[in-house]
Amino acid sequence: MDGRRYGPLAGFTIGVTAARRAGELGALLRRYGGSVVHAPALRIVRPADDTELLAVTKELIDGVPDVVVATTAIGFRGWIEAADGWGHGEELLACLRAVELLARGPKVRGAIRAAGLAEAWSPGAESMAEVLDRLLREGVEGRRIALQLHGEPLPGFVESLRAGGAEVVVVPVHRWMPPEDLAPVDRLIDATVARALDAVTFTSAPAAASLLSRAGERGRLAAL
């Protein structure tokens, strides 16, 4: 724990659970006088290191789906770059040229075009609800739909497609998993239960879920 003596957060100790850009958030809190305890609640699996992503990519290349839904620019770019690194870049691009490629919004649409591809359709705003509505209106029974994710799962989206009769293949780009070193998280949980922290910050819902899950594993969920 460290901190500054003066500032609106002087005397406050804040837990930071972010895995990405935690340094920026911590520096901001310290600038206002706070003390920071950093315990990343998640770790991000890089696409190039993700054996699950490699397996799904090969599956789609071998059996081209009817539809691919691209949800985020960074996730889509990461998928293409990882496939290229595995020696499957051209095969994946050929697969994506052969499908109905839907983009969630303008940002991922730009990533699709930067890869030399063209989207079949995209809503005006970043809206998965509009993408789902379009798919269900068209009818999804018997169709094979690949859904590129970026960290967070989309259970409602997937369940709606499956309820409509679609086969859904999830493409897990930048998966979030529990940290390899759980000791900092355990210390953060203990400090929170002991009321040694004034606040705990979360920058994503999965981080909060991961922390609660770990507390449950340790029998400290109710206390937390």
C-alpha atoms as a PDB file:
ATOM      1  CA  MET A   1       0.000   0.000   0.000  1.00  0.00           C
ATOM      2  CA  ASP A   2       1.220   3.460  -0.766  1.00  0.00           C
ATOM      3  CA  GLY A   3      -0.279   6.896  -1.164  1.00  0.00           C
ATOM      4  CA  ARG A   4       0.079  10.627  -0.842  1.00  0.00           C
ATOM      5  CA  ARG A   5      -0.614  12.691   2.211  1.00  0.00           C
ATOM      6  CA  TYR A   6      -2.724  15.377   0.518  1.00  0.00           C
ATOM      7  CA  GLY A   7      -5.678  15.310  -1.855  1.00  0.00           C
ATOM      8  CA  PRO A   8      -9.395  14.476  -1.807  1.00  0.00           C
ATOM      9  CA  LEU A   9      -8.607  10.759  -1.425  1.00  0.00           C
ATOM     10  CA  ALA A  10      -5.984  11.191   1.293  1.00  0.00           C
ATOM     11  CA  GLY A  11      -6.528   8.602   3.997  1.00  0.00           C
ATOM     12  CA  PHE A  12      -8.528   6.306   1.707  1.00  0.00           C
ATOM     13  CA  THR A  13      -7.313   2.886   0.577  1.00  0.00           C
ATOM     14  CA  ILE A  14      -8.770   1.612  -2.685  1.00  0.00           C
ATOM     15  CA  GLY A  15      -8.635  -1.857  -4.203  1.00  0.00           C
ATOM     16  CA  VAL A  16      -8.023  -2.035  -7.958  1.00  0.00           C
ATOM     17  CA  THR A  17      -9.029  -5.298  -9.659  1.00  0.00           C
ATOM     18  CA  ALA A  18      -8.272  -4.373 -13.274  1.00  0.00           C
ATOM     19  CA  ALA A  19      -5.892  -6.501 -15.317  1.00  0.00           C
ATOM     20  CA  ARG A  20      -5.528  -4.055 -18.208  1.00  0.00           C
ATOM     21  CA  ARG A  21      -4.527  -0.411 -17.694  1.00  0.00           C
ATOM     22  CA  ALA A  22      -4.391  -0.885 -13.943  1.00  0.00           C
ATOM     23  CA  GLY A  23      -1.314   1.324 -13.819  1.00  0.00           C
ATOM     24  CA  GLU A  24      -3.240   4.273 -15.241  1.00  0.00           C
ATOM     25  CA  LEU A  25      -6.101   3.877 -12.776  1.00  0.00           C
ATOM     26  CA  GLY A  26      -3.713   3.421  -9.858  1.00  0.00           C
ATOM     27  CA  ALA A  27      -1.715   6.488 -10.850  1.00  0.00           C
ATOM     28  CA  LEU A  28      -4.901   8.559 -11.039  1.00  0.00           C
ATOM     29  CA  LEU A  29      -6.032   7.461  -7.584  1.00  0.00           C
ATOM     30  CA  ARG A  30      -2.600   8.164  -6.103  1.00  0.00           C
ATOM     31  CA  ARG A  31      -2.550  11.580  -7.747  1.00  0.00           C
ATOM     32  CA  TYR A  32      -5.605  12.443  -5.658  1.00  0.00           C
ATOM     33  CA  GLY A  33      -3.975  11.167  -2.502  1.00  0.00           C
ATOM     34  CA  GLY A  34      -5.320   7.636  -2.276  1.00  0.00           C
ATOM     35  CA  SER A  35      -3.465   4.478  -1.345  1.00  0.00           C
ATOM     36  CA  VAL A  36      -3.862   1.609  -3.814  1.00  0.00           C
ATOM     37  CA  VAL A  37      -3.956  -2.163  -3.400  1.00  0.00           C
ATOM     38  CA  HIS A  38      -3.737  -3.882  -6.793  1.00  0.00           C
ATOM     39  CA  ALA A  39      -5.060  -7.413  -7.204  1.00  0.00           C
ATOM     40  CA  PRO A  40      -5.994  -8.352 -10.786  1.00  0.00           C
ATOM     41  CA  ALA A  41      -9.135 -10.463 -10.593  1.00  0.00           C
ATOM     42  CA  LEU A  42      -8.682 -11.772 -14.140  1.00  0.00           C
ATOM     43  CA  ARG A  43      -6.002 -12.506 -16.685  1.00  0.00           C
ATOM     44  CA  ILE A  44      -6.408 -12.094 -20.404  1.00  0.00           C
ATOM     45  CA  VAL A  45      -5.378 -14.990 -22.638  1.00  0.00           C
ATOM     46  CA  ARG A  46      -3.614 -13.522 -25.672  1.00  0.00           C
ATOM     47  CA  PRO A  47      -5.136 -14.793 -28.929  1.00  0.00           C
ATOM     48  CA  ALA A  48      -1.792 -16.082 -30.205  1.00  0.00           C
ATOM     49  CA  ASP A  49      -1.416 -18.214 -27.057  1.00  0.00           C
ATOM     50  CA  ASP A  50      -5.007 -19.476 -26.980  1.00  0.00           C
ATOM     51  CA  THR A  51      -5.235 -23.136 -27.950  1.00  0.00           C
ATOM     52  CA  GLU A  52      -9.043 -23.004 -27.721  1.00  0.00           C
ATOM     53  CA  LEU A  53      -9.154 -20.161 -30.253  1.00  0.00           C
ATOM     54  CA  LEU A  54      -6.826 -22.118 -32.555  1.00  0.00           C
ATOM     55  CA  ALA A  55      -9.080 -25.184 -32.369  1.00  0.00           C
ATOM     56  CA  VAL A  56     -12.215 -23.148 -33.141  1.00  0.00           C
ATOM     57  CA  THR A  57     -10.473 -21.373 -36.025  1.00  0.00           C
ATOM     58  CA  LYS A  58      -9.501 -24.705 -37.600  1.00  0.00           C
ATOM     59  CA  GLU A  59     -13.064 -25.965 -37.087  1.00  0.00           C
ATOM     60  CA  LEU A  60     -14.501 -22.988 -38.976  1.00  0.00           C
ATOM     61  CA  ILE A  61     -11.954 -23.264 -41.780  1.00  0.00           C
ATOM     62  CA  ASP A  62     -12.779 -26.951 -42.219  1.00  0.00           C
ATOM     63  CA  GLY A  63     -16.527 -26.371 -42.024  1.00  0.00           C
ATOM     64  CA  VAL A  64     -17.403 -22.854 -43.175  1.00  0.00           C
ATOM     65  CA  PRO A  65     -20.403 -21.445 -41.240  1.00  0.00           C
ATOM     66  CA  ASP A  66     -23.351 -19.622 -42.756  1.00  0.00           C
ATOM     67  CA  VAL A  67     -22.876 -16.450 -40.705  1.00  0.00           C
ATOM     68  CA  VAL A  68     -20.051 -14.844 -38.741  1.00  0.00           C
ATOM     69  CA  VAL A  69     -20.876 -12.075 -36.265  1.00  0.00           C
ATOM     70  CA  ALA A  70     -17.939  -9.773 -35.488  1.00  0.00           C
ATOM     71  CA  THR A  71     -18.497  -7.921 -32.219  1.00  0.00           C
ATOM     72  CA  THR A  72     -15.386  -5.812 -31.509  1.00  0.00           C
ATOM     73  CA  ALA A  73     -12.638  -4.254 -33.602  1.00  0.00           C
ATOM     74  CA  ILE A  74      -9.818  -5.268 -31.265  1.00  0.00           C
ATOM     75  CA  GLY A  75     -11.158  -8.807 -31.005  1.00  0.00           C
ATOM     76  CA  PHE A  76     -11.599  -9.201 -34.750  1.00  0.00           C
ATOM     77  CA  ARG A  77      -8.117  -7.852 -35.467  1.00  0.00           C
ATOM     78  CA  GLY A  78      -6.668 -10.105 -32.764  1.00  0.00           C
ATOM     79  CA  TRP A  79      -8.318 -13.136 -34.342  1.00  0.00           C
ATOM     80  CA  ILE A  80      -6.957 -12.347 -37.816  1.00  0.00           C
ATOM     81  CA  GLU A  81      -3.463 -11.643 -36.453  1.00  0.00           C
ATOM     82  CA  ALA A  82      -3.439 -14.839 -34.386  1.00  0.00           C
ATOM     83  CA  ALA A  83      -4.563 -16.926 -37.368  1.00  0.00           C
ATOM     84  CA  ASP A  84      -1.831 -15.362 -39.475  1.00  0.00           C
ATOM     85  CA  GLY A  85       0.735 -16.244 -36.819  1.00  0.00           C
ATOM     86  CA  TRP A  86      -0.461 -19.856 -36.825  1.00  0.00           C
ATOM     87  CA  GLY A  87      -0.133 -20.019 -40.608  1.00  0.00           C
ATOM     88  CA  HIS A  88      -3.905 -20.026 -41.155  1.00  0.00           C
ATOM     89  CA  GLY A  89      -4.416 -16.348 -42.010  1.00  0.00           C
ATOM     90  CA  GLU A  90      -5.284 -16.751 -45.688  1.00  0.00           C
ATOM     91  CA  GLU A  91      -7.522 -19.724 -44.948  1.00  0.00           C
ATOM     92  CA  LEU A  92      -9.453 -17.737 -42.347  1.00  0.00           C
ATOM     93  CA  LEU A  93      -9.833 -14.765 -44.688  1.00  0.00           C
ATOM     94  CA  ALA A  94     -11.131 -17.096 -47.406  1.00  0.00           C
ATOM     95  CA  CYS A  95     -13.621 -18.507 -44.900  1.00  0.00           C
ATOM     96  CA  LEU A  96     -14.809 -15.028 -43.931  1.00  0.00           C
ATOM     97  CA  ARG A  97     -15.235 -14.024 -47.583  1.00  0.00           C
ATOM     98  CA  ALA A  98     -17.552 -16.992 -48.095  1.00  0.00           C
ATOM     99  CA  VAL A  99     -19.949 -16.219 -45.231  1.00  0.00           C
ATOM    100  CA  GLU A 100     -22.563 -13.620 -44.391  1.00  0.00           C
ATOM    101  CA  LEU A 101     -20.359 -11.360 -42.277  1.00  0.00           C
ATOM    102  CA  LEU A 102     -22.244  -9.148 -39.816  1.00  0.00           C
ATOM    103  CA  ALA A 103     -20.575  -6.316 -37.892  1.00  0.00           C
ATOM    104  CA  ARG A 104     -21.904  -5.104 -34.545  1.00  0.00           C
ATOM    105  CA  GLY A 105     -21.152  -1.463 -35.342  1.00  0.00           C
ATOM    106  CA  PRO A 106     -18.875   1.111 -36.997  1.00  0.00           C
ATOM    107  CA  LYS A 107     -15.661   0.212 -35.145  1.00  0.00           C
ATOM    108  CA  VAL A 108     -15.631  -3.459 -36.027  1.00  0.00           C
ATOM    109  CA  ARG A 109     -16.869  -2.584 -39.513  1.00  0.00           C
ATOM    110  CA  GLY A 110     -13.654  -0.595 -39.952  1.00  0.00           C
ATOM    111  CA  ALA A 111     -11.568  -3.564 -38.784  1.00  0.00           C
ATOM    112  CA  ILE A 112     -13.354  -5.844 -41.246  1.00  0.00           C
ATOM    113  CA  ARG A 113     -12.633  -3.508 -44.146  1.00  0.00           C
ATOM    114  CA  ALA A 114      -9.021  -3.038 -43.046  1.00  0.00           C
ATOM    115  CA  ALA A 115      -8.608  -6.817 -43.408  1.00  0.00           C
ATOM    116  CA  GLY A 116      -9.747  -6.572 -47.028  1.00  0.00           C
ATOM    117  CA  LEU A 117     -13.199  -7.954 -46.275  1.00  0.00           C
ATOM    118  CA  ALA A 118     -16.692  -6.524 -46.643  1.00  0.00           C
ATOM    119  CA  GLU A 119     -19.510  -6.806 -44.149  1.00  0.00           C
ATOM    120  CA  ALA A 120     -22.923  -7.914 -45.373  1.00  0.00           C
ATOM    121  CA  TRP A 121     -24.704  -5.686 -42.852  1.00  0.00           C
ATOM    122  CA  SER A 122     -24.106  -3.550 -39.794  1.00  0.00           C
ATOM    123  CA  PRO A 123     -26.394  -1.491 -37.534  1.00  0.00           C
ATOM    124  CA  GLY A 124     -25.795   2.231 -37.263  1.00  0.00           C
ATOM    125  CA  ALA A 125     -24.812   1.982 -33.593  1.00  0.00           C
ATOM    126  CA  GLU A 126     -22.877  -0.605 -31.559  1.00  0.00           C
ATOM    127  CA  SER A 127     -25.932  -2.788 -30.980  1.00  0.00           C
ATOM    128  CA  MET A 128     -25.992  -6.550 -30.457  1.00  0.00           C
ATOM    129  CA  ALA A 129     -29.765  -6.302 -29.991  1.00  0.00           C
ATOM    130  CA  GLU A 130     -30.157  -5.080 -33.575  1.00  0.00           C
ATOM    131  CA  VAL A 131     -27.898  -7.855 -34.853  1.00  0.00           C
ATOM    132  CA  LEU A 132     -29.971 -10.447 -32.995  1.00  0.00           C
ATOM    133  CA  ASP A 133     -33.236  -8.973 -34.278  1.00  0.00           C
ATOM    134  CA  ARG A 134     -31.984  -9.144 -37.863  1.00  0.00           C
ATOM    135  CA  LEU A 135     -30.855 -12.750 -37.533  1.00  0.00           C
ATOM    136  CA  LEU A 136     -34.119 -13.873 -35.954  1.00  0.00           C
ATOM    137  CA  ARG A 137     -36.168 -12.031 -38.589  1.00  0.00           C
ATOM    138  CA  GLU A 138     -34.211 -13.796 -41.333  1.00  0.00           C
ATOM    139  CA  GLY A 139     -34.639 -17.117 -39.567  1.00  0.00           C
ATOM    140  CA  VAL A 140     -31.798 -19.084 -38.028  1.00  0.00           C
ATOM    141  CA  GLU A 141     -33.159 -22.630 -37.967  1.00  0.00           C
ATOM    142  CA  GLY A 142     -30.559 -25.021 -39.355  1.00  0.00           C
ATOM    143  CA  ARG A 143     -27.989 -22.271 -39.811  1.00  0.00           C
ATOM    144  CA  ARG A 144     -24.465 -22.385 -38.392  1.00  0.00           C
ATOM    145  CA  ILE A 145     -23.494 -19.069 -36.820  1.00  0.00           C
ATOM    146  CA  ALA A 146     -20.041 -18.171 -35.497  1.00  0.00           C
ATOM    147  CA  LEU A 147     -19.951 -15.468 -32.833  1.00  0.00           C
ATOM    148  CA  GLN A 148     -16.648 -13.658 -32.219  1.00  0.00           C
ATOM    149  CA  LEU A 149     -16.457 -12.660 -28.580  1.00  0.00           C
ATOM    150  CA  HIS A 150     -14.077 -10.312 -26.813  1.00  0.00           C
ATOM    151  CA  GLY A 151     -13.713 -11.259 -23.172  1.00  0.00           C
ATOM    152  CA  GLU A 152     -17.313 -11.154 -22.040  1.00  0.00           C
ATOM    153  CA  PRO A 153     -19.713 -13.980 -22.922  1.00  0.00           C
ATOM    154  CA  LEU A 154     -23.081 -13.128 -24.455  1.00  0.00           C
ATOM    155  CA  PRO A 155     -25.315 -15.864 -23.006  1.00  0.00           C
ATOM    156  CA  GLY A 156     -28.615 -14.195 -23.874  1.00  0.00           C
ATOM    157  CA  PHE A 157     -27.578 -13.717 -27.504  1.00  0.00           C
ATOM    158  CA  VAL A 158     -26.360 -17.302 -27.835  1.00  0.00           C
ATOM    159  CA  GLU A 159     -29.409 -18.790 -26.105  1.00  0.00           C
ATOM    160  CA  SER A 160     -31.796 -16.841 -28.338  1.00  0.00           C
ATOM    161  CA  LEU A 161     -30.084 -18.130 -31.480  1.00  0.00           C
ATOM    162  CA  ARG A 162     -30.056 -21.711 -30.221  1.00  0.00           C
ATOM    163  CA  ALA A 163     -33.712 -21.438 -29.244  1.00  0.00           C
ATOM    164  CA  GLY A 164     -34.374 -20.415 -32.845  1.00  0.00           C
ATOM    165  CA  GLY A 165     -32.710 -23.585 -34.093  1.00  0.00           C
ATOM    166  CA  ALA A 166     -29.225 -22.312 -34.914  1.00  0.00           C
ATOM    167  CA  GLU A 167     -25.944 -24.063 -34.256  1.00  0.00           C
ATOM    168  CA  VAL A 168     -23.747 -21.472 -32.537  1.00  0.00           C
ATOM    169  CA  VAL A 169     -19.957 -21.647 -32.549  1.00  0.00           C
ATOM    170  CA  VAL A 170     -18.350 -19.278 -30.048  1.00  0.00           C
ATOM    171  CA  VAL A 171     -15.019 -17.755 -31.114  1.00  0.00           C
ATOM    172  CA  PRO A 172     -13.308 -16.761 -27.837  1.00  0.00           C
ATOM    173  CA  VAL A 173     -10.893 -13.905 -28.593  1.00  0.00           C
ATOM    174  CA  HIS A 174      -9.122 -12.374 -25.558  1.00  0.00           C
ATOM    175  CA  ARG A 175     -10.685 -14.792 -23.079  1.00  0.00           C
ATOM    176  CA  TRP A 176     -10.721 -13.751 -19.441  1.00  0.00           C
ATOM    177  CA  MET A 177      -9.688 -16.367 -16.908  1.00  0.00           C
ATOM    178  CA  PRO A 178      -8.859 -16.371 -13.185  1.00  0.00           C
ATOM    179  CA  PRO A 179      -5.360 -15.072 -12.446  1.00  0.00           C
ATOM    180  CA  GLU A 180      -2.551 -17.601 -12.239  1.00  0.00           C
ATOM    181  CA  ASP A 181      -1.475 -16.118  -8.900  1.00  0.00           C
ATOM    182  CA  LEU A 182      -4.501 -16.002  -6.603  1.00  0.00           C
ATOM    183  CA  ALA A 183      -2.639 -14.699  -3.547  1.00  0.00           C
ATOM    184  CA  PRO A 184      -3.203 -10.969  -4.305  1.00  0.00           C
ATOM    185  CA  VAL A 185      -6.925 -11.606  -4.860  1.00  0.00           C
ATOM    186  CA  ASP A 186      -7.149 -13.533  -1.606  1.00  0.00           C
ATOM    187  CA  ARG A 187      -5.441 -10.679   0.239  1.00  0.00           C
ATOM    188  CA  LEU A 188      -7.848  -8.194  -1.338  1.00  0.00           C
ATOM    189  CA  ILE A 189     -10.830 -10.294  -0.247  1.00  0.00           C
ATOM    190  CA  ASP A 190      -9.452 -10.574   3.278  1.00  0.00           C
ATOM    191  CA  ALA A 191      -8.758  -6.836   3.444  1.00  0.00           C
ATOM    192  CA  THR A 192     -12.279  -6.060   2.230  1.00  0.00           C
ATOM    193  CA  VAL A 193     -13.859  -8.381   4.782  1.00  0.00           C
ATOM    194  CA  ALA A 194     -11.693  -6.813   7.493  1.00  0.00           C
ATOM    195  CA  ARG A 195     -12.903  -3.369   6.320  1.00  0.00           C
ATOM    196  CA  ALA A 196      -9.325  -2.328   5.659  1.00  0.00           C
ATOM    197  CA  LEU A 197     -10.366  -0.960   2.259  1.00  0.00           C
ATOM    198  CA  ASP A 198     -12.590   2.042   1.691  1.00  0.00           C
ATOM    199  CA  ALA A 199     -13.544   1.078  -1.862  1.00  0.00           C
ATOM    200  CA  VAL A 200     -12.969  -1.602  -4.477  1.00  0.00           C
ATOM    201  CA  THR A 201     -13.034  -0.698  -8.177  1.00  0.00           C
ATOM    202  CA  PHE A 202     -14.122  -2.869 -11.091  1.00  0.00           C
ATOM    203  CA  THR A 203     -13.700  -2.002 -14.757  1.00  0.00           C
ATOM    204  CA  SER A 204     -15.683  -4.989 -16.058  1.00  0.00           C
ATOM    205  CA  ALA A 205     -18.507  -7.248 -14.931  1.00  0.00           C
ATOM    206  CA  PRO A 206     -16.371 -10.404 -15.338  1.00  0.00           C
ATOM    207  CA  ALA A 207     -13.824  -9.004 -12.871  1.00  0.00           C
ATOM    208  CA  ALA A 208     -16.531  -8.592 -10.253  1.00  0.00           C
ATOM    209  CA  ALA A 209     -17.876 -12.072 -10.983  1.00  0.00           C
ATOM    210  CA  SER A 210     -14.387 -13.547 -10.704  1.00  0.00           C
ATOM    211  CA  LEU A 211     -13.768 -11.910  -7.339  1.00  0.00           C
ATOM    212  CA  LEU A 212     -17.103 -13.133  -5.983  1.00  0.00           C
ATOM    213  CA  SER A 213     -16.421 -16.618  -7.315  1.00  0.00           C
ATOM    214  CA  ARG A 214     -13.059 -16.740  -5.575  1.00  0.00           C
ATOM    215  CA  ALA A 215     -14.618 -15.515  -2.334  1.00  0.00           C
ATOM    216  CA  GLY A 216     -17.165 -18.325  -2.642  1.00  0.00           C
ATOM    217  CA  GLU A 217     -14.419 -20.907  -3.150  1.00  0.00           C
ATOM    218  CA  ARG A 218     -12.808 -19.716   0.071  1.00  0.00           C
ATOM    219  CA  GLY A 219     -16.067 -19.664   2.022  1.00  0.00           C
ATOM    220  CA  ARG A 220     -15.958 -15.883   2.360  1.00  0.00           C
ATOM    221  CA  LEU A 221     -18.727 -14.828  -0.020  1.00  0.00           C
ATOM    222  CA  ALA A 222     -21.284 -13.930   2.652  1.00  0.00           C
ATOM    223  CA  ALA A 223     -18.692 -11.974   4.609  1.00  0.00           C
ATOM    224  CA  LEU A 224     -17.562 -10.165   1.477  1.00  0.00           C
END
